[in-house]
N, C-alpha and C. Protein backbone atom coordinates (compact mmCIF):
# COMPACT_ATOMS: atom_id res chain seq x y z
N MET A 1 16.01 34.79 36.29
CA MET A 1 14.90 34.96 37.20
C MET A 1 14.88 36.40 37.69
N CYS A 2 13.74 36.96 37.79
CA CYS A 2 13.59 38.33 38.25
C CYS A 2 13.85 38.41 39.75
N ALA A 3 14.52 39.46 40.16
CA ALA A 3 14.80 39.64 41.57
C ALA A 3 13.52 39.81 42.38
N SER A 4 12.44 40.24 41.73
CA SER A 4 11.19 40.47 42.44
C SER A 4 10.38 39.20 42.66
N THR A 5 10.85 38.06 42.13
CA THR A 5 10.12 36.81 42.27
C THR A 5 10.59 36.08 43.52
N PRO A 6 9.81 36.12 44.60
CA PRO A 6 10.23 35.44 45.82
C PRO A 6 9.91 33.95 45.74
N GLY A 7 10.54 33.20 46.59
CA GLY A 7 10.20 31.79 46.69
C GLY A 7 11.08 30.91 45.84
N PRO A 8 11.00 29.61 46.08
CA PRO A 8 11.85 28.67 45.37
C PRO A 8 11.37 28.40 43.94
N VAL A 9 12.27 27.82 43.17
CA VAL A 9 12.00 27.44 41.78
C VAL A 9 11.95 25.92 41.71
N PHE A 10 10.87 25.36 41.16
CA PHE A 10 10.78 23.93 40.94
C PHE A 10 11.37 23.64 39.56
N VAL A 11 12.37 22.75 39.51
CA VAL A 11 12.99 22.37 38.25
C VAL A 11 12.66 20.92 37.98
N ALA A 12 11.84 20.67 36.97
CA ALA A 12 11.50 19.31 36.55
C ALA A 12 12.60 18.81 35.63
N GLY A 13 13.14 17.63 35.94
CA GLY A 13 14.26 17.10 35.16
C GLY A 13 15.58 17.65 35.66
N ALA A 14 15.67 17.85 36.97
CA ALA A 14 16.81 18.54 37.58
C ALA A 14 18.14 17.82 37.46
N THR A 15 18.15 16.53 37.17
CA THR A 15 19.43 15.82 37.06
C THR A 15 19.83 15.55 35.61
N GLY A 16 19.02 15.99 34.66
CA GLY A 16 19.37 15.83 33.25
C GLY A 16 20.46 16.81 32.84
N ARG A 17 20.86 16.70 31.60
CA ARG A 17 21.94 17.56 31.09
C ARG A 17 21.58 19.04 31.24
N THR A 18 20.41 19.43 30.80
CA THR A 18 19.99 20.83 30.88
C THR A 18 19.54 21.19 32.29
N GLY A 19 18.74 20.32 32.90
CA GLY A 19 18.23 20.59 34.24
C GLY A 19 19.32 20.82 35.27
N SER A 20 20.39 20.03 35.21
CA SER A 20 21.48 20.20 36.18
C SER A 20 22.17 21.55 36.00
N ARG A 21 22.25 22.02 34.78
CA ARG A 21 22.84 23.35 34.54
C ARG A 21 21.93 24.45 35.09
N ILE A 22 20.64 24.27 34.91
CA ILE A 22 19.68 25.25 35.44
C ILE A 22 19.78 25.30 36.96
N VAL A 23 19.83 24.14 37.60
CA VAL A 23 19.95 24.07 39.07
C VAL A 23 21.23 24.77 39.51
N ARG A 24 22.33 24.51 38.83
CA ARG A 24 23.61 25.13 39.20
C ARG A 24 23.54 26.65 39.07
N LEU A 25 22.96 27.15 37.98
CA LEU A 25 22.85 28.60 37.79
C LEU A 25 21.98 29.24 38.87
N LEU A 26 20.88 28.58 39.21
CA LEU A 26 20.00 29.12 40.25
C LEU A 26 20.68 29.16 41.61
N THR A 27 21.34 28.06 41.98
CA THR A 27 22.00 28.03 43.30
C THR A 27 23.19 28.99 43.33
N ASP A 28 23.87 29.17 42.21
CA ASP A 28 24.96 30.16 42.17
C ASP A 28 24.42 31.57 42.41
N ALA A 29 23.15 31.79 42.06
CA ALA A 29 22.51 33.08 42.27
C ALA A 29 21.77 33.13 43.61
N ASN A 30 22.01 32.13 44.48
CA ASN A 30 21.38 32.03 45.81
C ASN A 30 19.86 31.90 45.76
N VAL A 31 19.36 31.22 44.73
CA VAL A 31 17.93 30.97 44.59
C VAL A 31 17.65 29.56 45.10
N PRO A 32 16.70 29.41 46.04
CA PRO A 32 16.36 28.06 46.50
C PRO A 32 15.69 27.26 45.40
N VAL A 33 16.03 25.98 45.31
CA VAL A 33 15.55 25.11 44.24
C VAL A 33 14.84 23.90 44.82
N LEU A 34 13.66 23.62 44.27
CA LEU A 34 12.97 22.35 44.52
C LEU A 34 13.30 21.50 43.31
N ALA A 35 14.19 20.54 43.49
CA ALA A 35 14.72 19.76 42.37
C ALA A 35 13.88 18.52 42.14
N GLY A 36 13.09 18.55 41.08
CA GLY A 36 12.24 17.42 40.73
C GLY A 36 13.00 16.40 39.91
N CYS A 37 13.25 15.23 40.52
CA CYS A 37 13.98 14.17 39.83
C CYS A 37 13.73 12.84 40.53
N ARG A 38 14.08 11.75 39.84
CA ARG A 38 13.84 10.42 40.39
C ARG A 38 14.86 10.05 41.45
N ASP A 39 16.12 10.41 41.26
CA ASP A 39 17.21 9.90 42.08
C ASP A 39 17.89 11.01 42.87
N ALA A 40 17.62 11.06 44.18
CA ALA A 40 18.21 12.10 45.02
C ALA A 40 19.73 11.98 45.08
N LYS A 41 20.27 10.78 45.01
CA LYS A 41 21.71 10.60 45.06
C LYS A 41 22.38 11.23 43.85
N LYS A 42 21.78 11.06 42.69
CA LYS A 42 22.32 11.67 41.48
C LYS A 42 22.32 13.20 41.60
N LEU A 43 21.32 13.72 42.26
CA LEU A 43 21.23 15.16 42.47
C LEU A 43 22.35 15.65 43.38
N THR A 44 22.56 14.98 44.52
CA THR A 44 23.60 15.42 45.45
C THR A 44 25.00 15.18 44.90
N ASP A 45 25.16 14.21 44.00
CA ASP A 45 26.45 14.01 43.36
C ASP A 45 26.83 15.22 42.52
N GLN A 46 25.82 15.89 41.97
CA GLN A 46 26.06 17.04 41.10
C GLN A 46 26.29 18.33 41.89
N ASN A 47 25.56 18.48 42.99
CA ASN A 47 25.59 19.75 43.70
C ASN A 47 25.09 19.53 45.12
N ASP A 48 25.92 19.81 46.10
CA ASP A 48 25.52 19.58 47.49
C ASP A 48 25.09 20.87 48.19
N SER A 49 24.58 21.82 47.44
CA SER A 49 24.16 23.10 47.99
C SER A 49 23.00 22.94 48.97
N PRO A 50 23.04 23.67 50.08
CA PRO A 50 21.91 23.64 51.02
C PRO A 50 20.66 24.31 50.46
N LEU A 51 20.78 24.97 49.32
CA LEU A 51 19.63 25.62 48.70
C LEU A 51 18.76 24.63 47.93
N ILE A 52 19.23 23.38 47.79
CA ILE A 52 18.51 22.39 46.99
C ILE A 52 17.71 21.45 47.87
N THR A 53 16.44 21.31 47.55
CA THR A 53 15.56 20.33 48.21
C THR A 53 15.09 19.35 47.16
N HIS A 54 15.32 18.07 47.41
CA HIS A 54 14.89 17.05 46.46
C HIS A 54 13.38 16.84 46.57
N VAL A 55 12.71 16.82 45.43
CA VAL A 55 11.29 16.50 45.36
C VAL A 55 11.17 15.27 44.45
N PRO A 56 10.77 14.12 45.00
CA PRO A 56 10.64 12.93 44.15
C PRO A 56 9.67 13.19 43.00
N TYR A 57 10.18 13.04 41.78
CA TYR A 57 9.37 13.36 40.60
C TYR A 57 9.78 12.47 39.44
N ASN A 58 8.80 11.91 38.76
CA ASN A 58 9.03 11.10 37.57
C ASN A 58 7.96 11.49 36.55
N ALA A 59 8.38 12.00 35.42
CA ALA A 59 7.44 12.47 34.41
C ALA A 59 6.55 11.37 33.86
N LEU A 60 6.94 10.11 34.06
CA LEU A 60 6.14 8.99 33.58
C LEU A 60 4.98 8.66 34.52
N ASN A 61 5.04 9.17 35.74
CA ASN A 61 3.96 8.89 36.70
C ASN A 61 2.72 9.71 36.36
N GLU A 62 1.58 9.17 36.72
CA GLU A 62 0.31 9.86 36.46
C GLU A 62 0.12 11.08 37.36
N THR A 63 0.76 11.09 38.52
CA THR A 63 0.58 12.20 39.46
C THR A 63 1.85 13.05 39.53
N VAL A 64 1.66 14.32 39.76
CA VAL A 64 2.75 15.26 39.93
C VAL A 64 2.77 15.65 41.40
N PRO A 65 3.95 15.71 42.03
CA PRO A 65 3.99 16.11 43.44
C PRO A 65 3.52 17.55 43.62
N SER A 66 3.23 17.91 44.84
CA SER A 66 2.83 19.28 45.13
C SER A 66 3.95 20.23 44.73
N LEU A 67 3.59 21.30 44.06
CA LEU A 67 4.57 22.29 43.64
C LEU A 67 4.68 23.45 44.63
N ASP A 68 3.83 23.46 45.66
CA ASP A 68 3.92 24.48 46.70
C ASP A 68 5.24 24.34 47.42
N PRO A 69 5.96 25.34 47.76
CA PRO A 69 5.69 26.77 47.65
C PRO A 69 6.37 27.43 46.45
N ALA A 70 6.66 26.66 45.41
CA ALA A 70 7.35 27.21 44.23
C ALA A 70 6.58 28.38 43.63
N THR A 71 7.32 29.40 43.25
CA THR A 71 6.71 30.54 42.56
C THR A 71 7.00 30.47 41.07
N VAL A 72 8.01 29.68 40.71
CA VAL A 72 8.39 29.50 39.31
C VAL A 72 8.56 28.00 39.07
N VAL A 73 8.09 27.52 37.93
CA VAL A 73 8.30 26.13 37.51
C VAL A 73 9.09 26.17 36.21
N VAL A 74 10.21 25.43 36.19
CA VAL A 74 11.02 25.31 34.99
C VAL A 74 10.96 23.86 34.55
N SER A 75 10.54 23.63 33.33
CA SER A 75 10.50 22.28 32.78
C SER A 75 11.70 22.06 31.89
N ALA A 76 12.58 21.16 32.34
CA ALA A 76 13.73 20.74 31.54
C ALA A 76 13.54 19.27 31.18
N LEU A 77 12.27 18.89 31.02
CA LEU A 77 11.95 17.49 30.70
C LEU A 77 12.37 17.16 29.29
N GLY A 78 12.84 15.95 29.11
CA GLY A 78 13.20 15.48 27.79
C GLY A 78 13.40 13.98 27.83
N SER A 79 13.05 13.33 26.77
CA SER A 79 13.19 11.88 26.69
C SER A 79 14.65 11.51 26.51
N VAL A 80 15.01 10.41 27.12
CA VAL A 80 16.32 9.85 26.85
C VAL A 80 16.20 9.03 25.57
N GLU A 81 17.32 8.85 24.92
CA GLU A 81 17.28 8.09 23.67
C GLU A 81 16.73 6.69 23.95
N SER A 82 15.81 6.27 23.12
CA SER A 82 15.15 5.00 23.33
C SER A 82 14.68 4.44 22.00
N ILE A 83 14.68 3.11 21.91
CA ILE A 83 14.12 2.51 20.70
C ILE A 83 12.60 2.47 20.78
N ASP A 84 12.07 2.73 21.98
CA ASP A 84 10.62 2.78 22.16
C ASP A 84 10.14 4.20 21.88
N VAL A 85 9.58 4.45 20.71
CA VAL A 85 9.18 5.81 20.32
C VAL A 85 8.03 6.33 21.17
N ARG A 86 7.37 5.46 21.92
CA ARG A 86 6.29 5.93 22.80
C ARG A 86 6.82 6.77 23.95
N THR A 87 8.13 6.65 24.23
CA THR A 87 8.74 7.42 25.31
C THR A 87 8.56 8.92 25.08
N PHE A 88 8.67 9.36 23.83
CA PHE A 88 8.52 10.79 23.54
C PHE A 88 7.12 11.27 23.90
N ALA A 89 6.12 10.49 23.57
CA ALA A 89 4.74 10.86 23.91
C ALA A 89 4.55 10.87 25.41
N ARG A 90 5.11 9.88 26.09
CA ARG A 90 4.90 9.75 27.53
C ARG A 90 5.60 10.84 28.34
N VAL A 91 6.81 11.24 27.94
CA VAL A 91 7.57 12.25 28.69
C VAL A 91 7.34 13.64 28.12
N ASP A 92 7.71 13.83 26.85
CA ASP A 92 7.64 15.16 26.23
C ASP A 92 6.21 15.63 26.01
N GLY A 93 5.31 14.70 25.83
CA GLY A 93 3.91 15.05 25.62
C GLY A 93 3.12 15.06 26.91
N TYR A 94 2.71 13.88 27.33
CA TYR A 94 1.81 13.78 28.49
C TYR A 94 2.47 14.16 29.81
N GLY A 95 3.77 13.86 29.97
CA GLY A 95 4.47 14.26 31.20
C GLY A 95 4.51 15.76 31.35
N THR A 96 4.79 16.45 30.24
CA THR A 96 4.81 17.91 30.26
C THR A 96 3.41 18.46 30.50
N LYS A 97 2.42 17.86 29.88
CA LYS A 97 1.03 18.30 30.06
C LYS A 97 0.63 18.21 31.53
N ARG A 98 0.94 17.10 32.19
CA ARG A 98 0.60 16.94 33.61
C ARG A 98 1.32 17.97 34.48
N LEU A 99 2.58 18.25 34.16
CA LEU A 99 3.34 19.25 34.91
C LEU A 99 2.71 20.63 34.76
N LEU A 100 2.34 21.00 33.53
CA LEU A 100 1.72 22.30 33.31
C LEU A 100 0.37 22.41 34.00
N GLU A 101 -0.42 21.34 33.97
CA GLU A 101 -1.71 21.35 34.67
C GLU A 101 -1.52 21.52 36.17
N ALA A 102 -0.52 20.83 36.73
CA ALA A 102 -0.25 20.95 38.17
C ALA A 102 0.21 22.36 38.51
N ALA A 103 1.05 22.95 37.66
CA ALA A 103 1.53 24.32 37.90
C ALA A 103 0.38 25.31 37.85
N CYS A 104 -0.50 25.15 36.89
CA CYS A 104 -1.66 26.05 36.76
C CYS A 104 -2.63 25.91 37.93
N ALA A 105 -2.65 24.75 38.56
CA ALA A 105 -3.55 24.51 39.69
C ALA A 105 -2.94 24.90 41.03
N THR A 106 -1.70 25.38 41.02
CA THR A 106 -1.00 25.75 42.26
C THR A 106 -0.99 27.26 42.40
N ASP A 107 -1.59 27.75 43.48
CA ASP A 107 -1.71 29.21 43.67
C ASP A 107 -0.36 29.92 43.76
N SER A 108 0.65 29.26 44.31
CA SER A 108 1.94 29.93 44.50
C SER A 108 2.70 30.14 43.19
N VAL A 109 2.43 29.32 42.17
CA VAL A 109 3.17 29.41 40.90
C VAL A 109 2.69 30.62 40.11
N LYS A 110 3.64 31.49 39.81
CA LYS A 110 3.35 32.72 39.06
C LYS A 110 3.96 32.72 37.67
N GLN A 111 4.92 31.81 37.43
CA GLN A 111 5.62 31.80 36.15
C GLN A 111 6.00 30.37 35.80
N ILE A 112 5.87 30.03 34.51
CA ILE A 112 6.26 28.71 34.01
C ILE A 112 7.22 28.93 32.85
N MET A 113 8.35 28.23 32.88
CA MET A 113 9.32 28.31 31.79
C MET A 113 9.57 26.90 31.27
N MET A 114 9.64 26.80 29.96
CA MET A 114 9.91 25.50 29.35
C MET A 114 11.16 25.58 28.48
N VAL A 115 12.02 24.60 28.66
CA VAL A 115 13.18 24.46 27.80
C VAL A 115 12.82 23.35 26.84
N SER A 116 12.87 23.62 25.55
CA SER A 116 12.38 22.67 24.58
C SER A 116 13.36 22.50 23.43
N SER A 117 13.00 21.67 22.47
CA SER A 117 13.87 21.37 21.33
C SER A 117 13.81 22.47 20.29
N ILE A 118 14.88 22.56 19.53
CA ILE A 118 14.95 23.51 18.42
C ILE A 118 13.90 23.16 17.37
N GLY A 119 13.29 24.14 16.82
CA GLY A 119 12.41 23.93 15.68
C GLY A 119 11.02 23.44 15.99
N VAL A 120 10.56 23.55 17.22
CA VAL A 120 9.23 23.04 17.57
C VAL A 120 8.15 23.69 16.72
N GLY A 121 8.31 24.94 16.41
CA GLY A 121 7.27 25.62 15.65
C GLY A 121 7.32 25.40 14.14
N SER A 122 8.32 24.69 13.67
CA SER A 122 8.45 24.49 12.22
C SER A 122 8.73 23.02 11.93
N LEU A 123 7.71 22.20 12.11
CA LEU A 123 7.88 20.74 12.04
C LEU A 123 8.36 20.22 10.69
N PHE A 124 8.07 20.92 9.61
CA PHE A 124 8.40 20.37 8.29
C PHE A 124 9.53 21.12 7.60
N LYS A 125 10.23 21.98 8.33
CA LYS A 125 11.36 22.72 7.77
C LYS A 125 12.65 22.17 8.36
N TRP A 126 13.76 22.45 7.70
CA TRP A 126 15.07 22.06 8.19
C TRP A 126 15.43 22.93 9.39
N PRO A 127 16.00 22.49 10.50
CA PRO A 127 16.42 21.13 10.81
C PRO A 127 15.34 20.31 11.52
N ALA A 128 14.20 20.93 11.79
CA ALA A 128 13.16 20.24 12.56
C ALA A 128 12.71 18.96 11.90
N SER A 129 12.63 18.96 10.58
CA SER A 129 12.16 17.76 9.89
C SER A 129 13.07 16.57 10.17
N MET A 130 14.36 16.81 10.28
CA MET A 130 15.30 15.72 10.59
C MET A 130 15.16 15.30 12.05
N LEU A 131 15.03 16.27 12.95
CA LEU A 131 14.87 15.95 14.36
C LEU A 131 13.59 15.18 14.62
N ASN A 132 12.56 15.49 13.87
CA ASN A 132 11.27 14.87 14.07
C ASN A 132 11.25 13.40 13.66
N LEU A 133 12.25 12.97 12.93
CA LEU A 133 12.35 11.55 12.57
C LEU A 133 12.53 10.68 13.80
N LEU A 134 12.98 11.26 14.90
CA LEU A 134 13.22 10.52 16.14
C LEU A 134 11.93 10.32 16.91
N GLY A 135 11.03 9.55 16.38
CA GLY A 135 9.81 9.21 17.10
C GLY A 135 8.80 10.33 17.20
N GLY A 136 8.92 11.34 16.35
CA GLY A 136 7.96 12.44 16.39
C GLY A 136 8.11 13.32 17.62
N VAL A 137 9.34 13.42 18.17
CA VAL A 137 9.54 14.15 19.42
C VAL A 137 9.06 15.59 19.33
N LEU A 138 9.23 16.25 18.19
CA LEU A 138 8.83 17.65 18.09
C LEU A 138 7.32 17.82 18.03
N ILE A 139 6.64 16.80 17.52
CA ILE A 139 5.17 16.86 17.54
C ILE A 139 4.71 16.86 18.99
N TRP A 140 5.33 16.00 19.81
CA TRP A 140 4.93 15.93 21.22
C TRP A 140 5.33 17.19 21.98
N LYS A 141 6.52 17.71 21.71
CA LYS A 141 6.94 18.92 22.41
C LYS A 141 6.12 20.13 21.96
N GLY A 142 5.60 20.09 20.75
CA GLY A 142 4.85 21.21 20.21
C GLY A 142 3.37 21.15 20.49
N MET A 143 2.91 20.17 21.28
CA MET A 143 1.49 20.07 21.59
C MET A 143 1.00 21.36 22.23
N ARG A 144 -0.18 21.77 21.88
CA ARG A 144 -0.77 22.96 22.48
C ARG A 144 -1.66 22.53 23.65
N PHE A 145 -1.43 23.14 24.78
CA PHE A 145 -2.21 22.80 25.97
C PHE A 145 -3.08 23.98 26.33
N SER A 146 -4.27 23.69 26.75
CA SER A 146 -5.14 24.77 27.20
C SER A 146 -5.61 24.46 28.61
N ARG A 147 -5.93 25.49 29.32
CA ARG A 147 -6.34 25.37 30.71
C ARG A 147 -7.79 25.06 30.81
């Protein structure tokens, strides 16, 4: 994060494997975090920093909470392993789309960062072709969104 970027960072998926690492790195750098996740207890079990504010967030919900006063939004959203292949579309596709739309509609947000799967831009090449066998996850992560 740039030192010139004031304000907190909203991390979507803050208690996941990647999201929790992002939260830890931000708080280690004394950056306030708005931690978007379903379970506040899981968040405090990982890190009890006073820089962290829990924001109830579930990528499966139709609505996204207010992102104010975040200046940066980091998406660490990702589907958990599931036999229901629709999960990838609901979280990696439409959940991400709703988050991006909410960030674009928030005046305070100046930067959006997405952490995504390897090979999103090369769906039919190795190793993406193998990863894409998992319910088409890379197709959903590679969706193009426009404002």
